[in-house]
Amino acid sequence: MRKSPRNCKVSSKKSPRMTVIRQPNDDFDRIRLTRLLGSLKLRSRNLGKILDPMSNQRAIEPRPTTFGRYAERTLEEMSDDEKASRNLLLDGRGMVPGPYKILLQNRKLVEAIFPLAQHYHSGSSLSKGEIEIAVLLTTSKWMSAYATGEHEWIAERFGGLPPDAVGALVAGLATTFDDPRQRVIYDLSRALLEPRIIPQRLYDRAIDLLGHTGLTDVIAIIGYFTTVAMTLRAYDVPAHAEGLERPGEPTLAALKARAAPPLK
């Protein structure tokens, strides 16, 4: 075995590292930048228009929204299906109710659920006050500012519910009603929306006071207004939103102005 000479010094200096310099790659850098700016949805600070990240040209300005996040169309811009939905609503209600401003574009859905809404305006076994108890518990549960705000007013003016009770329904506070039917609808709706199991005694009270027709009317209106509330919440519609004014459609403010006097 060969030994190193004693007087031989080993250098402590490390060999210099080789630094690899990546040559510019315009295509690679362009792809990375495009992905980065695309994910951030870069917007013009002054105009709020979406920009093309790799050019100096501005993209088409987004259509302005009119009802929460939804951009309604004028009569001239409407498709035939939207016009058919609108005509169905005007013939049935004389207006386009809040959630239907969004649902207009889905003609088959409007044709499917609008008859259910009409059932609670003319053919339901429930009184207006009874309906509004279930409605307010539902819309406030699903945190729809628009639907809850409108039905607070309706519950007092047309349902004859005391303001304190209306406030409690919205806030999720305990309240009571002198009328036994209203009381069982309140108890039943709260239990269904919690959600909780419906105990036998509550079920028996509901059948005794409402019958099977009344009980199923309560269940169905909770389901209907769950759809309404979730639609309005998904589209972030604020309380008291008016939407686009179109010929032949009375505004919400106009309807309120000529509404009947409060029930006593």
Protein backbone atom coordinates (compact mmCIF):
# COMPACT_ATOMS: atom_id res chain seq x y z
CA MET A 1 0.00 0.00 0.00
CA ARG A 2 1.48 3.27 -1.07
CA LYS A 3 1.61 5.97 1.57
CA SER A 4 1.47 9.65 0.92
CA PRO A 5 4.69 11.52 1.62
CA ARG A 6 4.73 13.01 5.11
CA ASN A 7 5.61 16.44 3.88
CA CYS A 8 2.92 16.45 1.28
CA LYS A 9 0.25 19.02 2.14
CA VAL A 10 -3.32 18.45 1.15
CA SER A 11 -5.03 21.59 -0.03
CA SER A 12 -8.09 22.55 2.03
CA LYS A 13 -9.51 24.58 -0.79
CA LYS A 14 -12.62 23.11 -2.34
CA SER A 15 -12.89 22.89 -6.03
CA PRO A 16 -15.03 25.68 -7.39
CA ARG A 17 -18.65 24.74 -8.01
CA MET A 18 -19.94 24.94 -11.50
CA THR A 19 -22.81 27.40 -11.81
CA VAL A 20 -25.34 26.54 -14.45
CA ILE A 21 -26.97 29.58 -15.89
CA ARG A 22 -30.34 28.87 -17.45
CA GLN A 23 -30.61 30.50 -20.78
CA PRO A 24 -33.73 32.60 -21.28
CA ASN A 25 -36.62 30.64 -22.64
CA ASP A 26 -39.28 33.01 -23.89
CA ASP A 27 -41.91 30.27 -24.35
CA PHE A 28 -41.33 28.81 -20.87
CA ASP A 29 -41.42 32.23 -19.18
CA ARG A 30 -44.49 33.22 -21.14
CA ILE A 31 -46.40 30.11 -20.02
CA ARG A 32 -45.46 30.63 -16.37
CA LEU A 33 -46.45 34.29 -16.43
CA THR A 34 -49.69 33.55 -18.21
CA ARG A 35 -50.65 30.96 -15.59
CA LEU A 36 -49.74 33.27 -12.72
CA LEU A 37 -51.61 36.29 -13.99
CA GLY A 38 -54.51 34.16 -15.13
CA SER A 39 -54.94 32.71 -11.64
CA LEU A 40 -54.88 36.15 -10.10
CA LYS A 41 -57.36 37.51 -12.66
CA LEU A 42 -55.39 40.67 -13.07
CA ARG A 43 -57.64 43.69 -13.38
CA SER A 44 -57.13 47.24 -14.40
CA ARG A 45 -57.09 49.44 -11.29
CA ASN A 46 -58.84 52.31 -13.00
CA LEU A 47 -61.40 50.57 -15.18
CA GLY A 48 -61.87 47.22 -13.47
CA LYS A 49 -61.60 45.42 -16.81
CA ILE A 50 -59.96 42.01 -17.13
CA LEU A 51 -56.65 42.28 -18.96
CA ASP A 52 -54.92 39.94 -21.35
CA PRO A 53 -51.75 39.14 -19.33
CA MET A 54 -49.48 38.91 -22.40
CA SER A 55 -50.66 41.89 -24.41
CA ASN A 56 -51.49 45.53 -24.01
CA GLN A 57 -55.05 45.04 -25.22
CA ARG A 58 -57.99 45.06 -22.84
CA ALA A 59 -60.38 42.16 -23.03
CA ILE A 60 -64.13 42.68 -23.41
CA GLU A 61 -65.60 44.42 -20.38
CA PRO A 62 -67.75 42.06 -18.24
CA ARG A 63 -71.49 42.58 -18.50
CA PRO A 64 -72.66 44.73 -15.54
CA THR A 65 -74.72 42.88 -12.97
CA THR A 66 -78.18 44.14 -12.02
CA PHE A 67 -79.50 41.71 -9.41
CA GLY A 68 -76.79 40.54 -7.06
CA ARG A 69 -74.24 38.74 -9.23
CA TYR A 70 -76.74 38.21 -12.03
CA ALA A 71 -76.83 40.34 -15.18
CA GLU A 72 -80.45 40.57 -16.34
CA ARG A 73 -81.27 41.08 -20.00
CA THR A 74 -83.47 43.69 -21.56
CA LEU A 75 -86.57 42.61 -23.51
CA GLU A 76 -84.65 43.07 -26.76
CA GLU A 77 -81.84 40.81 -25.55
CA MET A 78 -84.03 38.04 -24.14
CA SER A 79 -84.17 34.64 -25.78
CA ASP A 80 -87.51 33.11 -26.75
CA ASP A 81 -87.34 30.82 -23.68
CA GLU A 82 -86.79 33.80 -21.36
CA LYS A 83 -89.72 35.65 -22.89
CA ALA A 84 -91.92 32.58 -22.45
CA SER A 85 -90.90 32.33 -18.77
CA ARG A 86 -91.57 36.04 -18.28
CA ASN A 87 -95.01 35.80 -19.86
CA LEU A 88 -95.91 32.86 -17.63
CA LEU A 89 -94.97 34.87 -14.53
CA LEU A 90 -96.74 38.05 -15.64
CA ASP A 91 -99.90 36.10 -16.47
CA GLY A 92 -99.85 34.32 -13.11
CA ARG A 93 -98.62 37.02 -10.76
CA GLY A 94 -98.51 40.31 -12.68
CA MET A 95 -94.80 40.63 -11.85
CA VAL A 96 -91.46 38.81 -11.96
CA PRO A 97 -90.78 37.88 -8.30
CA GLY A 98 -87.23 38.23 -6.99
CA PRO A 99 -85.79 34.72 -7.49
CA TYR A 100 -87.45 34.42 -10.89
CA LYS A 101 -85.37 37.34 -12.16
CA ILE A 102 -82.55 34.78 -12.09
CA LEU A 103 -84.57 31.69 -12.99
CA LEU A 104 -86.07 33.26 -16.15
CA GLN A 105 -83.27 31.81 -18.25
CA ASN A 106 -84.22 28.26 -17.17
CA ARG A 107 -87.63 27.90 -18.77
CA LYS A 108 -88.17 24.24 -17.85
CA LEU A 109 -87.38 24.91 -14.20
CA VAL A 110 -89.75 27.89 -14.11
CA GLU A 111 -92.52 25.79 -15.64
CA ALA A 112 -91.88 23.10 -13.04
CA ILE A 113 -91.74 25.15 -9.83
CA PHE A 114 -93.94 28.19 -10.54
CA PRO A 115 -97.18 26.15 -10.17
CA LEU A 116 -95.97 25.19 -6.66
CA ALA A 117 -95.51 28.87 -5.82
CA GLN A 118 -98.99 29.58 -7.14
CA HIS A 119 -100.42 26.84 -4.92
CA TYR A 120 -99.47 28.91 -1.87
CA HIS A 121 -101.12 32.01 -3.31
CA SER A 122 -104.50 30.47 -3.99
CA GLY A 123 -104.93 26.79 -3.20
CA SER A 124 -103.01 26.05 -0.01
CA SER A 125 -104.64 24.87 3.20
CA LEU A 126 -102.46 27.35 5.14
CA SER A 127 -103.31 30.96 5.99
CA LYS A 128 -100.93 33.78 5.02
CA GLY A 129 -99.68 34.11 8.58
CA GLU A 130 -99.05 30.36 8.82
CA ILE A 131 -97.15 30.41 5.54
CA GLU A 132 -94.96 33.30 6.63
CA ILE A 133 -93.92 31.53 9.85
CA ALA A 134 -92.47 28.65 7.81
CA VAL A 135 -91.05 30.99 5.16
CA LEU A 136 -89.17 33.27 7.58
CA LEU A 137 -87.72 30.35 9.50
CA THR A 138 -86.51 28.88 6.19
CA THR A 139 -85.06 31.97 4.50
CA SER A 140 -83.27 33.13 7.65
CA LYS A 141 -81.93 29.61 8.26
CA TRP A 142 -80.31 29.67 4.81
CA MET A 143 -79.23 33.31 5.29
CA SER A 144 -80.88 34.88 2.26
CA ALA A 145 -80.88 38.62 2.96
CA TYR A 146 -83.21 39.45 0.07
CA ALA A 147 -85.88 36.81 0.74
CA THR A 148 -85.85 37.39 4.48
CA GLY A 149 -86.09 41.17 4.12
CA GLU A 150 -89.06 40.95 1.78
CA HIS A 151 -90.94 38.39 3.85
CA GLU A 152 -90.45 40.32 7.07
CA TRP A 153 -92.57 43.04 5.49
CA ILE A 154 -95.06 40.56 4.01
CA ALA A 155 -95.44 38.68 7.31
CA GLU A 156 -96.44 41.83 9.17
CA ARG A 157 -98.52 43.49 6.47
CA PHE A 158 -100.34 40.55 4.96
CA GLY A 159 -99.79 37.78 7.49
CA GLY A 160 -100.80 39.85 10.50
CA LEU A 161 -97.88 38.55 12.59
CA PRO A 162 -96.70 40.73 15.51
CA PRO A 163 -93.41 42.58 14.80
CA ASP A 164 -91.75 41.04 17.86
CA ALA A 165 -92.62 37.54 16.66
CA VAL A 166 -91.34 38.35 13.16
CA GLY A 167 -88.05 39.58 14.59
CA ALA A 168 -87.70 36.43 16.68
CA LEU A 169 -88.36 34.20 13.66
CA VAL A 170 -85.59 35.92 11.70
CA ALA A 171 -83.08 35.97 14.56
CA GLY A 172 -83.70 32.36 15.56
CA LEU A 173 -85.00 33.36 18.98
CA ALA A 174 -87.69 31.52 20.88
CA THR A 175 -91.18 32.93 20.48
CA THR A 176 -94.76 31.75 20.84
CA PHE A 177 -98.11 32.22 19.16
CA ASP A 178 -101.58 32.28 20.68
CA ASP A 179 -103.10 30.43 17.75
CA PRO A 180 -102.53 26.65 18.17
CA ARG A 181 -102.12 26.10 14.40
CA GLN A 182 -99.46 28.79 14.17
CA ARG A 183 -97.76 27.36 17.24
CA VAL A 184 -97.53 23.83 15.82
CA ILE A 185 -96.29 25.15 12.45
CA TYR A 186 -93.59 27.09 14.30
CA ASP A 187 -92.54 24.03 16.34
CA LEU A 188 -92.64 21.72 13.35
CA SER A 189 -90.71 24.07 11.02
CA ARG A 190 -87.99 24.67 13.60
CA ALA A 191 -87.54 20.96 14.15
CA LEU A 192 -87.36 20.22 10.42
CA LEU A 193 -84.85 23.00 9.78
CA GLU A 194 -82.50 22.28 12.70
CA PRO A 195 -82.62 19.42 11.59
CA ARG A 196 -84.09 17.24 14.33
CA ILE A 197 -86.14 14.07 14.48
CA ILE A 198 -89.87 14.87 14.62
CA PRO A 199 -91.11 13.34 17.90
CA GLN A 200 -94.35 11.42 17.94
CA ARG A 201 -96.19 13.97 20.07
CA LEU A 202 -95.31 16.83 17.74
CA TYR A 203 -96.41 14.75 14.77
CA ASP A 204 -99.68 13.92 16.51
CA ARG A 205 -100.30 17.61 17.28
CA ALA A 206 -99.64 18.52 13.65
CA ILE A 207 -102.04 15.87 12.33
CA ASP A 208 -104.71 16.85 14.88
CA LEU A 209 -104.51 20.57 14.03
CA LEU A 210 -103.47 20.62 10.37
CA GLY A 211 -104.37 17.20 9.01
CA HIS A 212 -102.19 15.42 6.50
CA THR A 213 -102.96 18.09 3.91
CA GLY A 214 -101.73 20.88 6.17
CA LEU A 215 -98.66 18.96 7.30
CA THR A 216 -97.57 18.23 3.74
CA ASP A 217 -98.24 21.87 2.78
CA VAL A 218 -95.82 22.96 5.52
CA ILE A 219 -93.16 20.46 4.43
CA ALA A 220 -93.41 21.46 0.76
CA ILE A 221 -93.20 25.20 1.38
CA ILE A 222 -90.03 24.68 3.41
CA GLY A 223 -88.57 22.80 0.45
CA TYR A 224 -89.68 25.45 -2.04
CA PHE A 225 -88.27 28.35 -0.05
CA THR A 226 -85.04 26.44 0.52
CA THR A 227 -84.61 26.55 -3.27
CA VAL A 228 -85.53 30.24 -3.32
CA ALA A 229 -83.16 31.17 -0.49
CA MET A 230 -80.23 29.20 -1.84
CA THR A 231 -80.67 30.69 -5.32
CA LEU A 232 -80.66 34.22 -3.92
CA ARG A 233 -77.72 33.50 -1.63
CA ALA A 234 -75.63 31.87 -4.37
CA TYR A 235 -76.18 34.95 -6.54
CA ASP A 236 -75.44 37.20 -3.52
CA VAL A 237 -78.63 39.24 -3.88
CA PRO A 238 -78.73 41.90 -1.13
CA ALA A 239 -81.77 42.95 0.83
CA HIS A 240 -84.11 45.35 -1.00
CA ALA A 241 -82.46 44.81 -4.41
CA GLU A 242 -84.63 46.14 -7.24
CA GLY A 243 -83.15 44.61 -10.37
CA LEU A 244 -83.50 45.77 -13.96
CA GLU A 245 -86.54 47.85 -14.87
CA ARG A 246 -88.36 46.48 -17.91
CA PRO A 247 -91.58 47.66 -19.55
CA GLY A 248 -94.66 45.91 -18.21
CA GLU A 249 -92.98 44.77 -14.98
CA PRO A 250 -93.94 46.75 -11.86
CA THR A 251 -91.01 47.49 -9.57
CA LEU A 252 -90.90 46.28 -6.00
CA ALA A 253 -91.16 49.84 -4.73
CA ALA A 254 -94.30 50.43 -6.82
CA LEU A 255 -95.91 47.24 -5.53
CA LYS A 256 -95.21 48.20 -1.94
CA ALA A 257 -96.57 51.70 -2.47
CA ARG A 258 -99.98 50.42 -3.60
CA ALA A 259 -100.11 47.46 -1.21
CA ALA A 260 -103.16 46.93 0.96
CA PRO A 261 -103.16 48.40 4.48
CA PRO A 262 -101.81 46.23 7.29
CA LEU A 263 -104.05 43.51 8.62
CA LYS A 264 -105.47 44.22 12.07
